[in-house]
């Protein structure tokens, strides 16, 4: 009889994958000036390019930014949008928001803009016939692949999304038909936080995954099945923490 687990990674390899997932952080203020080596950058781009894409459309492009002048333009676009965003929060939250550092555009040695070409594979694509946004979701998978690979390389990544897209497109010379998916700040860092900064600052808590589960139909919590899984999730997290895979 065939062993169903024969394709699993070895225990140490699995632990490394989970460590990258659990210790990945959105980095904003810890960037070092050390340049990102070309070999490491090539590995990140290769990881991103091997992300899953619906219909194998591979809709992404990667725009690398190292020029201080271009970074300054991007930073100005962020500053305008950030000032507008602060006004959207009620007074108490607005004060907290204004104290948060939400980007490292100038400090990071490397900027990377990930885009989506919505026409790359033509008007009819496998898997996109009824859900046309699947090209954008595929591009986000490329971002996640790159982010996890960067963490394994010891590189920090910060995703900056507080932009007017048209202004960012103009700052980077991106054609109108190309969708901006993510502007990423990349570089070595002084440290990685043990928790996401917004969780640590009290902005929002991490939700228990067990509270987000339904069974068979939306809204069906099925307590009998959820309680054993909740206990298993708690035990697994404790085990990961003990082995240094999951941050305490």
C-alpha atoms as a PDB file:
ATOM      1  CA  UNK A   1       0.000   0.000   0.000  1.00  0.00           C
ATOM      2  CA  UNK A   2       1.321   3.450  -0.895  1.00  0.00           C
ATOM      3  CA  UNK A   3       2.386   5.643   1.984  1.00  0.00           C
ATOM      4  CA  UNK A   4       0.174   8.785   1.836  1.00  0.00           C
ATOM      5  CA  UNK A   5       2.819  10.907   3.605  1.00  0.00           C
ATOM      6  CA  UNK A   6       5.713   9.919   1.339  1.00  0.00           C
ATOM      7  CA  UNK A   7       5.707  13.337  -0.333  1.00  0.00           C
ATOM      8  CA  UNK A   8       6.019  15.284   2.933  1.00  0.00           C
ATOM      9  CA  UNK A   9       9.185  17.234   3.687  1.00  0.00           C
ATOM     10  CA  UNK A  10      11.525  16.045   6.423  1.00  0.00           C
ATOM     11  CA  UNK A  11      10.744  17.418   9.900  1.00  0.00           C
ATOM     12  CA  UNK A  12      13.504  20.072   9.839  1.00  0.00           C
ATOM     13  CA  UNK A  13      12.432  21.240   6.390  1.00  0.00           C
ATOM     14  CA  UNK A  14       8.800  21.537   7.506  1.00  0.00           C
ATOM     15  CA  UNK A  15       9.866  23.475  10.578  1.00  0.00           C
ATOM     16  CA  UNK A  16      11.784  25.944   8.413  1.00  0.00           C
ATOM     17  CA  UNK A  17       8.733  26.570   6.233  1.00  0.00           C
ATOM     18  CA  UNK A  18       6.507  27.200   9.246  1.00  0.00           C
ATOM     19  CA  UNK A  19       9.144  29.366  10.887  1.00  0.00           C
ATOM     20  CA  UNK A  20       9.241  31.592   7.810  1.00  0.00           C
ATOM     21  CA  UNK A  21       5.445  31.873   7.861  1.00  0.00           C
ATOM     22  CA  UNK A  22       5.113  32.599  11.581  1.00  0.00           C
ATOM     23  CA  UNK A  23       8.064  34.980  11.896  1.00  0.00           C
ATOM     24  CA  UNK A  24       7.368  36.994   8.721  1.00  0.00           C
ATOM     25  CA  UNK A  25       6.777  40.648   9.598  1.00  0.00           C
ATOM     26  CA  UNK A  26       5.710  43.833   7.841  1.00  0.00           C
ATOM     27  CA  UNK A  27       8.912  45.837   8.348  1.00  0.00           C
ATOM     28  CA  UNK A  28       8.807  49.633   8.514  1.00  0.00           C
ATOM     29  CA  UNK A  29      11.501  51.095  10.725  1.00  0.00           C
ATOM     30  CA  UNK A  30      14.387  48.654  11.143  1.00  0.00           C
ATOM     31  CA  UNK A  31      16.028  48.789   7.720  1.00  0.00           C
ATOM     32  CA  UNK A  32      19.830  48.818   7.493  1.00  0.00           C
ATOM     33  CA  UNK A  33      21.664  50.555   4.624  1.00  0.00           C
ATOM     34  CA  UNK A  34      23.373  47.317   3.567  1.00  0.00           C
ATOM     35  CA  UNK A  35      22.618  46.648  -0.134  1.00  0.00           C
ATOM     36  CA  UNK A  36      20.630  43.562  -1.061  1.00  0.00           C
ATOM     37  CA  UNK A  37      23.043  41.155  -2.810  1.00  0.00           C
ATOM     38  CA  UNK A  38      22.212  40.374  -6.420  1.00  0.00           C
ATOM     39  CA  UNK A  39      22.232  36.628  -5.713  1.00  0.00           C
ATOM     40  CA  UNK A  40      19.673  37.008  -2.921  1.00  0.00           C
ATOM     41  CA  UNK A  41      17.534  39.303  -5.082  1.00  0.00           C
ATOM     42  CA  UNK A  42      17.613  36.762  -7.899  1.00  0.00           C
ATOM     43  CA  UNK A  43      16.383  34.048  -5.518  1.00  0.00           C
ATOM     44  CA  UNK A  44      13.519  36.274  -4.320  1.00  0.00           C
ATOM     45  CA  UNK A  45      12.428  37.076  -7.866  1.00  0.00           C
ATOM     46  CA  UNK A  46      12.616  33.425  -8.864  1.00  0.00           C
ATOM     47  CA  UNK A  47      10.478  32.493  -5.846  1.00  0.00           C
ATOM     48  CA  UNK A  48       7.942  35.182  -6.759  1.00  0.00           C
ATOM     49  CA  UNK A  49       7.848  34.046 -10.385  1.00  0.00           C
ATOM     50  CA  UNK A  50       7.058  30.487  -9.266  1.00  0.00           C
ATOM     51  CA  UNK A  51       3.899  31.530  -7.450  1.00  0.00           C
ATOM     52  CA  UNK A  52       0.656  29.835  -8.427  1.00  0.00           C
ATOM     53  CA  UNK A  53      -1.295  31.681 -11.102  1.00  0.00           C
ATOM     54  CA  UNK A  54      -4.769  30.841 -12.326  1.00  0.00           C
ATOM     55  CA  UNK A  55      -4.636  29.529 -15.888  1.00  0.00           C
ATOM     56  CA  UNK A  56      -0.826  29.789 -15.656  1.00  0.00           C
ATOM     57  CA  UNK A  57      -1.299  33.414 -16.801  1.00  0.00           C
ATOM     58  CA  UNK A  58       1.731  34.771 -14.839  1.00  0.00           C
ATOM     59  CA  UNK A  59       0.366  38.337 -14.959  1.00  0.00           C
ATOM     60  CA  UNK A  60       3.070  39.962 -12.845  1.00  0.00           C
ATOM     61  CA  UNK A  61       5.956  42.332 -13.535  1.00  0.00           C
ATOM     62  CA  UNK A  62       8.616  43.443 -11.046  1.00  0.00           C
ATOM     63  CA  UNK A  63       9.821  47.053 -11.075  1.00  0.00           C
ATOM     64  CA  UNK A  64      13.037  47.521  -9.062  1.00  0.00           C
ATOM     65  CA  UNK A  65      13.724  50.914  -7.452  1.00  0.00           C
ATOM     66  CA  UNK A  66      17.119  51.891  -6.047  1.00  0.00           C
ATOM     67  CA  UNK A  67      17.372  55.542  -7.116  1.00  0.00           C
ATOM     68  CA  UNK A  68      17.099  58.038  -4.218  1.00  0.00           C
ATOM     69  CA  UNK A  69      15.287  60.437  -6.540  1.00  0.00           C
ATOM     70  CA  UNK A  70      12.616  57.912  -7.459  1.00  0.00           C
ATOM     71  CA  UNK A  71      12.235  56.835  -3.831  1.00  0.00           C
ATOM     72  CA  UNK A  72      11.734  60.483  -2.854  1.00  0.00           C
ATOM     73  CA  UNK A  73       8.942  60.802  -5.439  1.00  0.00           C
ATOM     74  CA  UNK A  74       7.266  57.665  -4.123  1.00  0.00           C
ATOM     75  CA  UNK A  75       7.654  58.904  -0.544  1.00  0.00           C
ATOM     76  CA  UNK A  76       5.929  62.180  -1.477  1.00  0.00           C
ATOM     77  CA  UNK A  77       2.997  60.249  -2.971  1.00  0.00           C
ATOM     78  CA  UNK A  78       2.726  58.278   0.271  1.00  0.00           C
ATOM     79  CA  UNK A  79       2.900  61.412   2.433  1.00  0.00           C
ATOM     80  CA  UNK A  80      -0.046  63.009   0.645  1.00  0.00           C
ATOM     81  CA  UNK A  81      -2.180  59.879   0.891  1.00  0.00           C
ATOM     82  CA  UNK A  82      -1.188  59.285   4.512  1.00  0.00           C
ATOM     83  CA  UNK A  83      -2.299  62.788   5.517  1.00  0.00           C
ATOM     84  CA  UNK A  84      -5.652  62.153   3.833  1.00  0.00           C
ATOM     85  CA  UNK A  85      -5.984  58.743   5.482  1.00  0.00           C
ATOM     86  CA  UNK A  86      -5.408  60.131   8.981  1.00  0.00           C
ATOM     87  CA  UNK A  87      -8.518  62.315   8.623  1.00  0.00           C
ATOM     88  CA  UNK A  88     -10.696  59.257   8.030  1.00  0.00           C
ATOM     89  CA  UNK A  89     -10.198  57.929  11.562  1.00  0.00           C
ATOM     90  CA  UNK A  90     -12.093  59.240  14.605  1.00  0.00           C
ATOM     91  CA  UNK A  91     -10.128  61.561  16.908  1.00  0.00           C
ATOM     92  CA  UNK A  92      -8.778  58.958  19.347  1.00  0.00           C
ATOM     93  CA  UNK A  93      -7.688  56.571  16.645  1.00  0.00           C
ATOM     94  CA  UNK A  94      -6.356  59.428  14.512  1.00  0.00           C
ATOM     95  CA  UNK A  95      -3.810  60.329  17.169  1.00  0.00           C
ATOM     96  CA  UNK A  96      -2.607  56.737  17.398  1.00  0.00           C
ATOM     97  CA  UNK A  97      -2.541  56.440  13.606  1.00  0.00           C
ATOM     98  CA  UNK A  98      -0.398  59.569  13.287  1.00  0.00           C
ATOM     99  CA  UNK A  99       2.232  58.040  15.579  1.00  0.00           C
ATOM    100  CA  UNK A 100       2.526  54.814  13.590  1.00  0.00           C
ATOM    101  CA  UNK A 101       5.406  54.398  11.159  1.00  0.00           C
ATOM    102  CA  UNK A 102       3.789  52.868   8.114  1.00  0.00           C
ATOM    103  CA  UNK A 103       6.600  52.811   5.547  1.00  0.00           C
ATOM    104  CA  UNK A 104      10.347  52.603   4.991  1.00  0.00           C
ATOM    105  CA  UNK A 105      10.426  53.848   1.408  1.00  0.00           C
ATOM    106  CA  UNK A 106      13.560  55.989   1.683  1.00  0.00           C
ATOM    107  CA  UNK A 107      15.341  53.913   4.336  1.00  0.00           C
ATOM    108  CA  UNK A 108      15.071  50.543   2.576  1.00  0.00           C
ATOM    109  CA  UNK A 109      17.912  49.870   0.099  1.00  0.00           C
ATOM    110  CA  UNK A 110      15.500  48.405  -2.422  1.00  0.00           C
ATOM    111  CA  UNK A 111      11.967  49.200  -3.525  1.00  0.00           C
ATOM    112  CA  UNK A 112       9.982  46.727  -5.566  1.00  0.00           C
ATOM    113  CA  UNK A 113       6.668  47.433  -7.253  1.00  0.00           C
ATOM    114  CA  UNK A 114       4.710  44.308  -8.204  1.00  0.00           C
ATOM    115  CA  UNK A 115       2.149  44.881 -10.938  1.00  0.00           C
ATOM    116  CA  UNK A 116      -0.526  42.946 -12.810  1.00  0.00           C
ATOM    117  CA  UNK A 117      -0.925  43.003 -16.594  1.00  0.00           C
ATOM    118  CA  UNK A 118      -4.623  42.177 -17.016  1.00  0.00           C
ATOM    119  CA  UNK A 119      -4.305  41.571 -20.769  1.00  0.00           C
ATOM    120  CA  UNK A 120      -1.248  39.331 -20.792  1.00  0.00           C
ATOM    121  CA  UNK A 121      -3.049  36.085 -21.554  1.00  0.00           C
ATOM    122  CA  UNK A 122      -5.846  37.468 -23.695  1.00  0.00           C
ATOM    123  CA  UNK A 123      -9.549  37.899 -22.994  1.00  0.00           C
ATOM    124  CA  UNK A 124     -10.305  34.234 -22.141  1.00  0.00           C
ATOM    125  CA  UNK A 125      -8.188  32.462 -19.524  1.00  0.00           C
ATOM    126  CA  UNK A 126      -8.732  29.106 -17.829  1.00  0.00           C
ATOM    127  CA  UNK A 127     -10.127  29.702 -14.354  1.00  0.00           C
ATOM    128  CA  UNK A 128     -10.820  33.386 -14.997  1.00  0.00           C
ATOM    129  CA  UNK A 129     -13.904  33.046 -17.190  1.00  0.00           C
ATOM    130  CA  UNK A 130     -16.305  33.736 -14.299  1.00  0.00           C
ATOM    131  CA  UNK A 131     -14.017  35.367 -11.734  1.00  0.00           C
ATOM    132  CA  UNK A 132     -12.039  38.032 -13.639  1.00  0.00           C
ATOM    133  CA  UNK A 133     -10.165  39.210 -10.526  1.00  0.00           C
ATOM    134  CA  UNK A 134      -8.170  35.963 -10.383  1.00  0.00           C
ATOM    135  CA  UNK A 135      -5.270  37.678 -12.182  1.00  0.00           C
ATOM    136  CA  UNK A 136      -4.930  40.130  -9.265  1.00  0.00           C
ATOM    137  CA  UNK A 137      -5.142  37.328  -6.728  1.00  0.00           C
ATOM    138  CA  UNK A 138      -2.449  35.430  -8.617  1.00  0.00           C
ATOM    139  CA  UNK A 139      -0.177  38.498  -8.429  1.00  0.00           C
ATOM    140  CA  UNK A 140      -0.714  38.649  -4.669  1.00  0.00           C
ATOM    141  CA  UNK A 141       0.507  35.044  -4.470  1.00  0.00           C
ATOM    142  CA  UNK A 142       3.763  36.239  -6.066  1.00  0.00           C
ATOM    143  CA  UNK A 143       4.087  38.852  -3.305  1.00  0.00           C
ATOM    144  CA  UNK A 144       3.597  36.204  -0.617  1.00  0.00           C
ATOM    145  CA  UNK A 145       6.146  33.859  -2.183  1.00  0.00           C
ATOM    146  CA  UNK A 146       8.701  36.668  -2.299  1.00  0.00           C
ATOM    147  CA  UNK A 147       7.951  37.716   1.287  1.00  0.00           C
ATOM    148  CA  UNK A 148       8.481  34.246   2.725  1.00  0.00           C
ATOM    149  CA  UNK A 149      11.651  33.733   0.688  1.00  0.00           C
ATOM    150  CA  UNK A 150      12.925  37.098   1.946  1.00  0.00           C
ATOM    151  CA  UNK A 151      12.337  36.063   5.554  1.00  0.00           C
ATOM    152  CA  UNK A 152      14.332  32.880   4.959  1.00  0.00           C
ATOM    153  CA  UNK A 153      17.148  35.066   3.535  1.00  0.00           C
ATOM    154  CA  UNK A 154      17.094  37.317   6.629  1.00  0.00           C
ATOM    155  CA  UNK A 155      15.643  40.199   4.624  1.00  0.00           C
ATOM    156  CA  UNK A 156      12.778  42.358   5.828  1.00  0.00           C
ATOM    157  CA  UNK A 157       9.855  43.356   3.616  1.00  0.00           C
ATOM    158  CA  UNK A 158       7.350  46.145   4.168  1.00  0.00           C
ATOM    159  CA  UNK A 159       4.185  46.417   2.072  1.00  0.00           C
ATOM    160  CA  UNK A 160       3.157  50.063   1.584  1.00  0.00           C
ATOM    161  CA  UNK A 161      -0.417  50.489   0.356  1.00  0.00           C
ATOM    162  CA  UNK A 162      -1.256  54.075   1.364  1.00  0.00           C
ATOM    163  CA  UNK A 163      -1.007  55.582  -2.114  1.00  0.00           C
ATOM    164  CA  UNK A 164      -3.177  57.230  -4.673  1.00  0.00           C
ATOM    165  CA  UNK A 165      -2.674  54.631  -7.389  1.00  0.00           C
ATOM    166  CA  UNK A 166      -2.707  57.117 -10.265  1.00  0.00           C
ATOM    167  CA  UNK A 167      -0.038  59.239  -8.541  1.00  0.00           C
ATOM    168  CA  UNK A 168       2.116  56.185  -7.818  1.00  0.00           C
ATOM    169  CA  UNK A 169       1.740  55.030 -11.416  1.00  0.00           C
ATOM    170  CA  UNK A 170       2.878  58.474 -12.604  1.00  0.00           C
ATOM    171  CA  UNK A 171       5.847  58.499 -10.213  1.00  0.00           C
ATOM    172  CA  UNK A 172       7.028  55.158 -11.593  1.00  0.00           C
ATOM    173  CA  UNK A 173       6.053  55.602 -15.240  1.00  0.00           C
ATOM    174  CA  UNK A 174       3.615  52.676 -15.169  1.00  0.00           C
ATOM    175  CA  UNK A 175       1.223  52.530 -18.160  1.00  0.00           C
ATOM    176  CA  UNK A 176      -2.493  53.069 -17.453  1.00  0.00           C
ATOM    177  CA  UNK A 177      -3.475  49.474 -18.309  1.00  0.00           C
ATOM    178  CA  UNK A 178      -1.152  47.988 -15.681  1.00  0.00           C
ATOM    179  CA  UNK A 179      -2.533  47.516 -12.149  1.00  0.00           C
ATOM    180  CA  UNK A 180      -0.317  48.268  -9.153  1.00  0.00           C
ATOM    181  CA  UNK A 181      -0.525  45.339  -6.735  1.00  0.00           C
ATOM    182  CA  UNK A 182       2.132  46.128  -4.120  1.00  0.00           C
ATOM    183  CA  UNK A 183       4.950  48.525  -3.360  1.00  0.00           C
ATOM    184  CA  UNK A 184       7.465  46.644  -1.228  1.00  0.00           C
ATOM    185  CA  UNK A 185      10.397  47.987   0.790  1.00  0.00           C
ATOM    186  CA  UNK A 186      13.161  45.366   1.029  1.00  0.00           C
ATOM    187  CA  UNK A 187      16.413  45.196   2.973  1.00  0.00           C
ATOM    188  CA  UNK A 188      18.339  43.744   5.864  1.00  0.00           C
ATOM    189  CA  UNK A 189      17.041  44.807   9.258  1.00  0.00           C
ATOM    190  CA  UNK A 190      18.366  45.386  12.758  1.00  0.00           C
ATOM    191  CA  UNK A 191      15.744  42.994  14.152  1.00  0.00           C
ATOM    192  CA  UNK A 192      12.383  41.375  13.502  1.00  0.00           C
ATOM    193  CA  UNK A 193       9.608  42.070  15.981  1.00  0.00           C
ATOM    194  CA  UNK A 194       8.305  39.077  17.900  1.00  0.00           C
ATOM    195  CA  UNK A 195       4.737  40.184  17.065  1.00  0.00           C
ATOM    196  CA  UNK A 196       3.233  42.215  14.236  1.00  0.00           C
ATOM    197  CA  UNK A 197       3.629  45.894  15.133  1.00  0.00           C
ATOM    198  CA  UNK A 198      -0.078  46.689  14.868  1.00  0.00           C
ATOM    199  CA  UNK A 199      -0.845  43.801  17.224  1.00  0.00           C
ATOM    200  CA  UNK A 200       1.913  44.878  19.614  1.00  0.00           C
ATOM    201  CA  UNK A 201       0.712  48.493  19.653  1.00  0.00           C
ATOM    202  CA  UNK A 202      -2.827  47.452  20.499  1.00  0.00           C
ATOM    203  CA  UNK A 203      -4.284  48.640  17.202  1.00  0.00           C
ATOM    204  CA  UNK A 204      -5.965  45.258  16.623  1.00  0.00           C
ATOM    205  CA  UNK A 205      -5.640  41.808  18.221  1.00  0.00           C
ATOM    206  CA  UNK A 206      -4.962  38.570  16.360  1.00  0.00           C
ATOM    207  CA  UNK A 207      -8.253  36.755  15.956  1.00  0.00           C
ATOM    208  CA  UNK A 208      -8.452  33.104  17.119  1.00  0.00           C
ATOM    209  CA  UNK A 209      -8.508  30.981  13.988  1.00  0.00           C
ATOM    210  CA  UNK A 210     -11.077  28.640  15.541  1.00  0.00           C
ATOM    211  CA  UNK A 211     -13.562  31.525  15.668  1.00  0.00           C
ATOM    212  CA  UNK A 212     -13.237  31.959  11.904  1.00  0.00           C
ATOM    213  CA  UNK A 213     -14.230  28.405  10.981  1.00  0.00           C
ATOM    214  CA  UNK A 214     -17.559  27.267   9.593  1.00  0.00           C
ATOM    215  CA  UNK A 215     -18.585  23.764   8.535  1.00  0.00           C
ATOM    216  CA  UNK A 216     -20.368  22.812   5.319  1.00  0.00           C
ATOM    217  CA  UNK A 217     -22.447  26.037   5.223  1.00  0.00           C
ATOM    218  CA  UNK A 218     -21.690  29.683   6.020  1.00  0.00           C
ATOM    219  CA  UNK A 219     -22.472  30.430   9.656  1.00  0.00           C
ATOM    220  CA  UNK A 220     -22.494  26.785  10.773  1.00  0.00           C
ATOM    221  CA  UNK A 221     -20.022  26.650  13.677  1.00  0.00           C
ATOM    222  CA  UNK A 222     -20.650  22.997  14.666  1.00  0.00           C
ATOM    223  CA  UNK A 223     -19.378  23.135  18.251  1.00  0.00           C
ATOM    224  CA  UNK A 224     -18.859  19.376  18.455  1.00  0.00           C
ATOM    225  CA  UNK A 225     -16.322  19.474  15.633  1.00  0.00           C
ATOM    226  CA  UNK A 226     -14.844  22.883  16.510  1.00  0.00           C
ATOM    227  CA  UNK A 227     -13.920  22.170  20.136  1.00  0.00           C
ATOM    228  CA  UNK A 228     -11.494  19.294  19.379  1.00  0.00           C
ATOM    229  CA  UNK A 229      -9.927  21.352  16.592  1.00  0.00           C
ATOM    230  CA  UNK A 230      -9.594  24.364  18.906  1.00  0.00           C
ATOM    231  CA  UNK A 231      -7.748  22.195  21.439  1.00  0.00           C
ATOM    232  CA  UNK A 232      -5.522  20.806  18.674  1.00  0.00           C
ATOM    233  CA  UNK A 233      -4.687  24.312  17.421  1.00  0.00           C
ATOM    234  CA  UNK A 234      -3.737  25.464  20.938  1.00  0.00           C
ATOM    235  CA  UNK A 235      -1.552  22.400  21.500  1.00  0.00           C
ATOM    236  CA  UNK A 236       0.114  22.838  18.121  1.00  0.00           C
ATOM    237  CA  UNK A 237       0.889  26.500  18.808  1.00  0.00           C
ATOM    238  CA  UNK A 238       2.399  25.575  22.180  1.00  0.00           C
ATOM    239  CA  UNK A 239       4.516  22.892  20.509  1.00  0.00           C
ATOM    240  CA  UNK A 240       5.728  25.314  17.836  1.00  0.00           C
ATOM    241  CA  UNK A 241       6.615  27.869  20.517  1.00  0.00           C
ATOM    242  CA  UNK A 242       8.539  25.289  22.549  1.00  0.00           C
ATOM    243  CA  UNK A 243      10.568  24.304  19.473  1.00  0.00           C
ATOM    244  CA  UNK A 244      11.247  27.933  18.545  1.00  0.00           C
ATOM    245  CA  UNK A 245       9.238  27.761  15.331  1.00  0.00           C
ATOM    246  CA  UNK A 246       6.404  30.014  16.467  1.00  0.00           C
ATOM    247  CA  UNK A 247       7.116  33.314  18.277  1.00  0.00           C
ATOM    248  CA  UNK A 248       6.009  33.382  21.915  1.00  0.00           C
END
